[in-house]
Every structure is written in structure tokens, then in C-alpha cells.
Amino acid sequence: MRFRRTALPWLVAVALLAAFLVARSGGGAFPSLDDAHGARVQRGVDGDTARLVGLGSVRLIGVNTPEVYGRVQCFGPEASGFAKSVLHAGTCVRYQVGREARDRYGRLLAYVWLEDGRLFNGMLVERGYAVPLTIAPNDQLAPRFRSEETEARRARAGMWRRPGCAPG
């Protein structure tokens, strides 16, 4: 019984410290469709970037597709084609800006959901068009994206079915 009485103040102190650190870091909430805003796609740019009306260039958080500009990478055209076929002009989407709102190129960093509630960032990974790209502080969904990559590899989806195409 004595241990419980002496441990309780320490447990309270640890809980308060944890709450303070979470609040200071901008919250611990996961990105959610419930907190997302609506927008329309102006056009797809490549596999992991689109232009949204009124927002400009939006870079999808947590994922990286092979390049199609400059040096075209293996499976880049397929990833870009898929993204443009889903995020075509006029498509209604919902988005949530990341904890860090912009990248070094000035693009808005966001999670993007389709009207049916599917997270497009995750769709790219699960179908083998993208690999996870974890950059703090926009890293809340990193475990999900890593899991989707594991499943895509296992299923030999997208770039994973082409020998030597997918990254190491």
C-alpha cells in the first residue's frame, strides 16, 4: 500500500508533463476527415502534387511517388497517370493541412480525401504508386503508410511487380 501512495504523485506528474508536451507540439490528434475542409481540384501535377482551386499547389503528406519531371523515374508515369485520373479537374476533395503547413517550395502540405472518404495519400501507397515519406512534424500517419507499403509489397502491387523498379 505504501508504494501506491508514493507512486501516485509521480504518475500524476508524468501525466501532466505528457499533456503539456502534446499541447506544446500542436496537439496529438490524427488527421481526420471530420476536421477536413472542402476544395475542388484544378489539375493534377504529378503523382504526389495537385493544384486545388484557391489553394494553389498541394503536396500530399507522407508519401513520395517516382518523379516525372527532369529525370523520369521507373513507374513515375504510371503514378502520375493514376493520380491525374483520380484528381482530375473539378473533382471535389477534402483536405487537412499538416502541422507544418508548407514545404521549402511553398507548397501547401496536406492530407487529401476523396468524396467517398478514402484517404488519397494512402491509396497511392496501398496500390504501389508511392512509398512512405516521413517528415516530422507531419508524421502522424507514418505507421499506417508503412503498413500499406508492406501490404503493397506482399501483393506485388504497382511498382512492386516490376523488378528493380521499386526503391530498396
C-alpha atoms as a PDB file:
ATOM      1  CA  MET A   1       0.000   0.000   0.000  1.00  0.00           C
ATOM      2  CA  ARG A   2       2.867   2.379   0.773  1.00  0.00           C
ATOM      3  CA  PHE A   3       4.219   2.050  -2.798  1.00  0.00           C
ATOM      4  CA  ARG A   4       0.897   3.121  -4.267  1.00  0.00           C
ATOM      5  CA  ARG A   5       0.780   6.278  -2.157  1.00  0.00           C
ATOM      6  CA  THR A   6       4.318   7.294  -3.108  1.00  0.00           C
ATOM      7  CA  ALA A   7       3.906   6.381  -6.771  1.00  0.00           C
ATOM      8  CA  LEU A   8       0.694   8.344  -7.267  1.00  0.00           C
ATOM      9  CA  PRO A   9       2.308  11.830  -7.216  1.00  0.00           C
ATOM     10  CA  TRP A  10       4.900  10.643  -9.738  1.00  0.00           C
ATOM     11  CA  LEU A  11       2.226   9.242 -12.040  1.00  0.00           C
ATOM     12  CA  VAL A  12       0.289  12.499 -11.866  1.00  0.00           C
ATOM     13  CA  ALA A  13       3.457  14.485 -12.604  1.00  0.00           C
ATOM     14  CA  VAL A  14       4.289  12.302 -15.621  1.00  0.00           C
ATOM     15  CA  ALA A  15       0.718  12.594 -16.942  1.00  0.00           C
ATOM     16  CA  LEU A  16       0.794  16.388 -16.599  1.00  0.00           C
ATOM     17  CA  LEU A  17       4.171  16.599 -18.317  1.00  0.00           C
ATOM     18  CA  ALA A  18       2.957  14.421 -21.182  1.00  0.00           C
ATOM     19  CA  ALA A  19      -0.168  16.552 -21.603  1.00  0.00           C
ATOM     20  CA  PHE A  20       1.962  19.715 -21.633  1.00  0.00           C
ATOM     21  CA  LEU A  21       4.324  18.315 -24.278  1.00  0.00           C
ATOM     22  CA  VAL A  22       1.462  17.173 -26.513  1.00  0.00           C
ATOM     23  CA  ALA A  23      -0.258  20.553 -26.249  1.00  0.00           C
ATOM     24  CA  ARG A  24       3.006  22.384 -26.954  1.00  0.00           C
ATOM     25  CA  SER A  25       3.721  20.290 -30.057  1.00  0.00           C
ATOM     26  CA  GLY A  26       0.448  21.337 -31.662  1.00  0.00           C
ATOM     27  CA  GLY A  27      -1.762  18.530 -30.408  1.00  0.00           C
ATOM     28  CA  GLY A  28      -1.617  14.809 -30.783  1.00  0.00           C
ATOM     29  CA  ALA A  29      -4.742  14.394 -32.880  1.00  0.00           C
ATOM     30  CA  PHE A  30      -4.510  12.346 -36.021  1.00  0.00           C
ATOM     31  CA  PRO A  31      -5.514  13.909 -39.321  1.00  0.00           C
ATOM     32  CA  SER A  32      -9.209  13.268 -39.779  1.00  0.00           C
ATOM     33  CA  LEU A  33     -11.832  13.620 -42.466  1.00  0.00           C
ATOM     34  CA  ASP A  34     -14.039  15.162 -39.751  1.00  0.00           C
ATOM     35  CA  ASP A  35     -11.615  18.108 -39.479  1.00  0.00           C
ATOM     36  CA  ALA A  36     -11.068  18.486 -43.232  1.00  0.00           C
ATOM     37  CA  HIS A  37     -12.116  21.368 -45.483  1.00  0.00           C
ATOM     38  CA  GLY A  38     -13.656  21.089 -48.933  1.00  0.00           C
ATOM     39  CA  ALA A  39     -11.974  22.063 -52.197  1.00  0.00           C
ATOM     40  CA  ARG A  40     -12.027  21.338 -55.928  1.00  0.00           C
ATOM     41  CA  VAL A  41      -9.118  20.038 -57.925  1.00  0.00           C
ATOM     42  CA  GLN A  42      -7.828  22.497 -60.507  1.00  0.00           C
ATOM     43  CA  ARG A  43      -5.469  19.888 -62.018  1.00  0.00           C
ATOM     44  CA  GLY A  44      -3.143  17.057 -61.136  1.00  0.00           C
ATOM     45  CA  VAL A  45       0.534  17.971 -61.368  1.00  0.00           C
ATOM     46  CA  ASP A  46       2.237  14.613 -60.808  1.00  0.00           C
ATOM     47  CA  GLY A  47       1.825  11.598 -58.531  1.00  0.00           C
ATOM     48  CA  ASP A  48       2.050  13.418 -55.204  1.00  0.00           C
ATOM     49  CA  THR A  49       1.147  17.020 -56.078  1.00  0.00           C
ATOM     50  CA  ALA A  50      -2.072  18.639 -57.267  1.00  0.00           C
ATOM     51  CA  ARG A  51      -3.408  22.149 -57.615  1.00  0.00           C
ATOM     52  CA  LEU A  52      -6.564  22.901 -55.651  1.00  0.00           C
ATOM     53  CA  VAL A  53      -8.752  25.863 -56.557  1.00  0.00           C
ATOM     54  CA  GLY A  54      -7.988  28.793 -54.252  1.00  0.00           C
ATOM     55  CA  LEU A  55      -5.126  26.958 -52.521  1.00  0.00           C
ATOM     56  CA  GLY A  56      -2.551  26.518 -55.270  1.00  0.00           C
ATOM     57  CA  SER A  57      -0.034  23.704 -55.269  1.00  0.00           C
ATOM     58  CA  VAL A  58      -0.692  20.999 -52.653  1.00  0.00           C
ATOM     59  CA  ARG A  59       1.928  18.353 -51.804  1.00  0.00           C
ATOM     60  CA  LEU A  60       0.493  15.157 -50.331  1.00  0.00           C
ATOM     61  CA  ILE A  61       1.862  14.456 -46.854  1.00  0.00           C
ATOM     62  CA  GLY A  62       3.588  11.199 -46.012  1.00  0.00           C
ATOM     63  CA  VAL A  63       4.059   9.780 -49.498  1.00  0.00           C
ATOM     64  CA  ASN A  64       6.539  10.020 -52.340  1.00  0.00           C
ATOM     65  CA  THR A  65       5.903   8.939 -55.919  1.00  0.00           C
ATOM     66  CA  PRO A  66       8.578   8.413 -58.573  1.00  0.00           C
ATOM     67  CA  GLU A  67       9.490  11.566 -60.497  1.00  0.00           C
ATOM     68  CA  VAL A  68       8.173  12.506 -63.933  1.00  0.00           C
ATOM     69  CA  TYR A  69       9.916  15.851 -64.369  1.00  0.00           C
ATOM     70  CA  GLY A  70      13.634  16.126 -65.017  1.00  0.00           C
ATOM     71  CA  ARG A  71      14.907  12.560 -64.822  1.00  0.00           C
ATOM     72  CA  VAL A  72      11.862  10.330 -65.241  1.00  0.00           C
ATOM     73  CA  GLN A  73      11.991   7.508 -62.711  1.00  0.00           C
ATOM     74  CA  CYS A  74      10.712   3.966 -63.096  1.00  0.00           C
ATOM     75  CA  PHE A  75       6.926   3.875 -62.544  1.00  0.00           C
ATOM     76  CA  GLY A  76       6.737   7.691 -62.433  1.00  0.00           C
ATOM     77  CA  PRO A  77       4.469   7.994 -65.485  1.00  0.00           C
ATOM     78  CA  GLU A  78       2.134   5.337 -64.084  1.00  0.00           C
ATOM     79  CA  ALA A  79       1.942   7.036 -60.666  1.00  0.00           C
ATOM     80  CA  SER A  80       1.353  10.425 -62.239  1.00  0.00           C
ATOM     81  CA  GLY A  81      -1.262   8.992 -64.605  1.00  0.00           C
ATOM     82  CA  PHE A  82      -3.133   7.338 -61.746  1.00  0.00           C
ATOM     83  CA  ALA A  83      -3.128  10.497 -59.632  1.00  0.00           C
ATOM     84  CA  LYS A  84      -4.309  12.629 -62.546  1.00  0.00           C
ATOM     85  CA  SER A  85      -7.083  10.140 -63.360  1.00  0.00           C
ATOM     86  CA  VAL A  86      -8.406  10.335 -59.789  1.00  0.00           C
ATOM     87  CA  LEU A  87      -7.637  14.001 -59.036  1.00  0.00           C
ATOM     88  CA  HIS A  88      -8.828  15.423 -62.347  1.00  0.00           C
ATOM     89  CA  ALA A  89     -10.130  18.961 -62.823  1.00  0.00           C
ATOM     90  CA  GLY A  90     -13.373  19.604 -60.967  1.00  0.00           C
ATOM     91  CA  THR A  91     -13.075  16.673 -58.552  1.00  0.00           C
ATOM     92  CA  CYS A  92     -14.379  17.544 -55.082  1.00  0.00           C
ATOM     93  CA  VAL A  93     -11.982  16.601 -52.297  1.00  0.00           C
ATOM     94  CA  ARG A  94     -11.498  17.308 -48.626  1.00  0.00           C
ATOM     95  CA  TYR A  95      -8.116  18.284 -47.231  1.00  0.00           C
ATOM     96  CA  GLN A  96      -6.423  18.858 -43.913  1.00  0.00           C
ATOM     97  CA  VAL A  97      -3.249  20.892 -43.699  1.00  0.00           C
ATOM     98  CA  GLY A  98      -0.369  19.327 -41.772  1.00  0.00           C
ATOM     99  CA  ARG A  99       1.196  20.594 -38.558  1.00  0.00           C
ATOM    100  CA  GLU A 100       3.852  22.135 -40.785  1.00  0.00           C
ATOM    101  CA  ALA A 101       1.772  23.899 -43.410  1.00  0.00           C
ATOM    102  CA  ARG A 102       4.262  24.472 -46.244  1.00  0.00           C
ATOM    103  CA  ASP A 103       7.335  22.838 -47.696  1.00  0.00           C
ATOM    104  CA  ARG A 104      10.508  24.601 -48.829  1.00  0.00           C
ATOM    105  CA  TYR A 105       8.948  25.178 -52.268  1.00  0.00           C
ATOM    106  CA  GLY A 106       5.936  26.973 -50.773  1.00  0.00           C
ATOM    107  CA  ARG A 107       3.508  24.138 -51.493  1.00  0.00           C
ATOM    108  CA  LEU A 108       0.710  23.531 -49.017  1.00  0.00           C
ATOM    109  CA  LEU A 109       1.253  20.209 -47.218  1.00  0.00           C
ATOM    110  CA  ALA A 110      -1.980  18.268 -46.796  1.00  0.00           C
ATOM    111  CA  TYR A 111      -3.830  15.013 -46.438  1.00  0.00           C
ATOM    112  CA  VAL A 112      -6.456  14.675 -49.177  1.00  0.00           C
ATOM    113  CA  TRP A 113      -9.644  12.611 -49.014  1.00  0.00           C
ATOM    114  CA  LEU A 114     -11.929  11.693 -51.892  1.00  0.00           C
ATOM    115  CA  GLU A 115     -15.680  12.260 -51.645  1.00  0.00           C
ATOM    116  CA  ASP A 116     -16.213   8.623 -50.664  1.00  0.00           C
ATOM    117  CA  GLY A 117     -13.969   9.095 -47.606  1.00  0.00           C
ATOM    118  CA  ARG A 118     -10.846   7.305 -48.881  1.00  0.00           C
ATOM    119  CA  LEU A 119      -7.544   8.966 -48.000  1.00  0.00           C
ATOM    120  CA  PHE A 120      -5.832   9.521 -51.346  1.00  0.00           C
ATOM    121  CA  ASN A 121      -2.356   9.688 -49.784  1.00  0.00           C
ATOM    122  CA  GLY A 122      -2.856   6.133 -48.502  1.00  0.00           C
ATOM    123  CA  MET A 123      -4.368   4.906 -51.764  1.00  0.00           C
ATOM    124  CA  LEU A 124      -1.135   5.786 -53.557  1.00  0.00           C
ATOM    125  CA  VAL A 125       0.893   3.633 -51.163  1.00  0.00           C
ATOM    126  CA  GLU A 126      -1.510   0.696 -50.971  1.00  0.00           C
ATOM    127  CA  ARG A 127      -1.692   0.456 -54.772  1.00  0.00           C
ATOM    128  CA  GLY A 128       2.074   0.624 -55.198  1.00  0.00           C
ATOM    129  CA  TYR A 129       2.294   4.081 -56.754  1.00  0.00           C
ATOM    130  CA  ALA A 130       4.139   5.648 -53.793  1.00  0.00           C
ATOM    131  CA  VAL A 131       6.370   4.845 -50.855  1.00  0.00           C
ATOM    132  CA  PRO A 132       6.068   6.388 -47.396  1.00  0.00           C
ATOM    133  CA  LEU A 133       7.970   9.626 -46.813  1.00  0.00           C
ATOM    134  CA  THR A 134       8.057  10.538 -43.137  1.00  0.00           C
ATOM    135  CA  ILE A 135       8.999  14.113 -42.287  1.00  0.00           C
ATOM    136  CA  ALA A 136       8.230  15.418 -38.789  1.00  0.00           C
ATOM    137  CA  PRO A 137       6.126  17.079 -37.617  1.00  0.00           C
ATOM    138  CA  ASN A 138       3.733  15.774 -40.313  1.00  0.00           C
ATOM    139  CA  ASP A 139       4.238  12.171 -39.277  1.00  0.00           C
ATOM    140  CA  GLN A 140       1.037  11.130 -37.507  1.00  0.00           C
ATOM    141  CA  LEU A 141       0.020   8.627 -40.211  1.00  0.00           C
ATOM    142  CA  ALA A 142       3.505   7.209 -40.843  1.00  0.00           C
ATOM    143  CA  PRO A 143       2.700   3.821 -39.238  1.00  0.00           C
ATOM    144  CA  ARG A 144      -0.369   3.485 -41.465  1.00  0.00           C
ATOM    145  CA  PHE A 145       1.626   4.289 -44.604  1.00  0.00           C
ATOM    146  CA  ARG A 146       4.381   1.821 -43.645  1.00  0.00           C
ATOM    147  CA  SER A 147       1.768  -0.885 -43.125  1.00  0.00           C
ATOM    148  CA  GLU A 148       0.184  -0.109 -46.507  1.00  0.00           C
ATOM    149  CA  GLU A 149       3.607  -0.339 -48.133  1.00  0.00           C
ATOM    150  CA  THR A 150       4.175  -3.766 -46.554  1.00  0.00           C
ATOM    151  CA  GLU A 151       0.847  -4.966 -47.956  1.00  0.00           C
ATOM    152  CA  ALA A 152       1.590  -3.495 -51.409  1.00  0.00           C
ATOM    153  CA  ARG A 153       4.965  -5.277 -51.494  1.00  0.00           C
ATOM    154  CA  ARG A 154       3.348  -8.521 -50.402  1.00  0.00           C
ATOM    155  CA  ALA A 155       0.677  -8.185 -53.099  1.00  0.00           C
ATOM    156  CA  ARG A 156       3.269  -7.073 -55.680  1.00  0.00           C
ATOM    157  CA  ALA A 157       1.096  -4.059 -56.449  1.00  0.00           C
ATOM    158  CA  GLY A 158       2.167  -1.264 -58.756  1.00  0.00           C
ATOM    159  CA  MET A 159       5.910  -0.621 -58.756  1.00  0.00           C
ATOM    160  CA  TRP A 160       6.459  -3.724 -56.606  1.00  0.00           C
ATOM    161  CA  ARG A 161       5.562  -6.003 -59.540  1.00  0.00           C
ATOM    162  CA  ARG A 162       8.316  -4.538 -61.723  1.00  0.00           C
ATOM    163  CA  PRO A 163      11.757  -5.985 -60.782  1.00  0.00           C
ATOM    164  CA  GLY A 164      14.313  -3.292 -59.989  1.00  0.00           C
ATOM    165  CA  CYS A 165      11.727  -0.530 -60.149  1.00  0.00           C
ATOM    166  CA  ALA A 166      10.777  -0.053 -56.508  1.00  0.00           C
ATOM    167  CA  PRO A 167      13.244   1.538 -54.084  1.00  0.00           C
ATOM    168  CA  GLY A 168      15.490  -0.718 -51.969  1.00  0.00           C
END
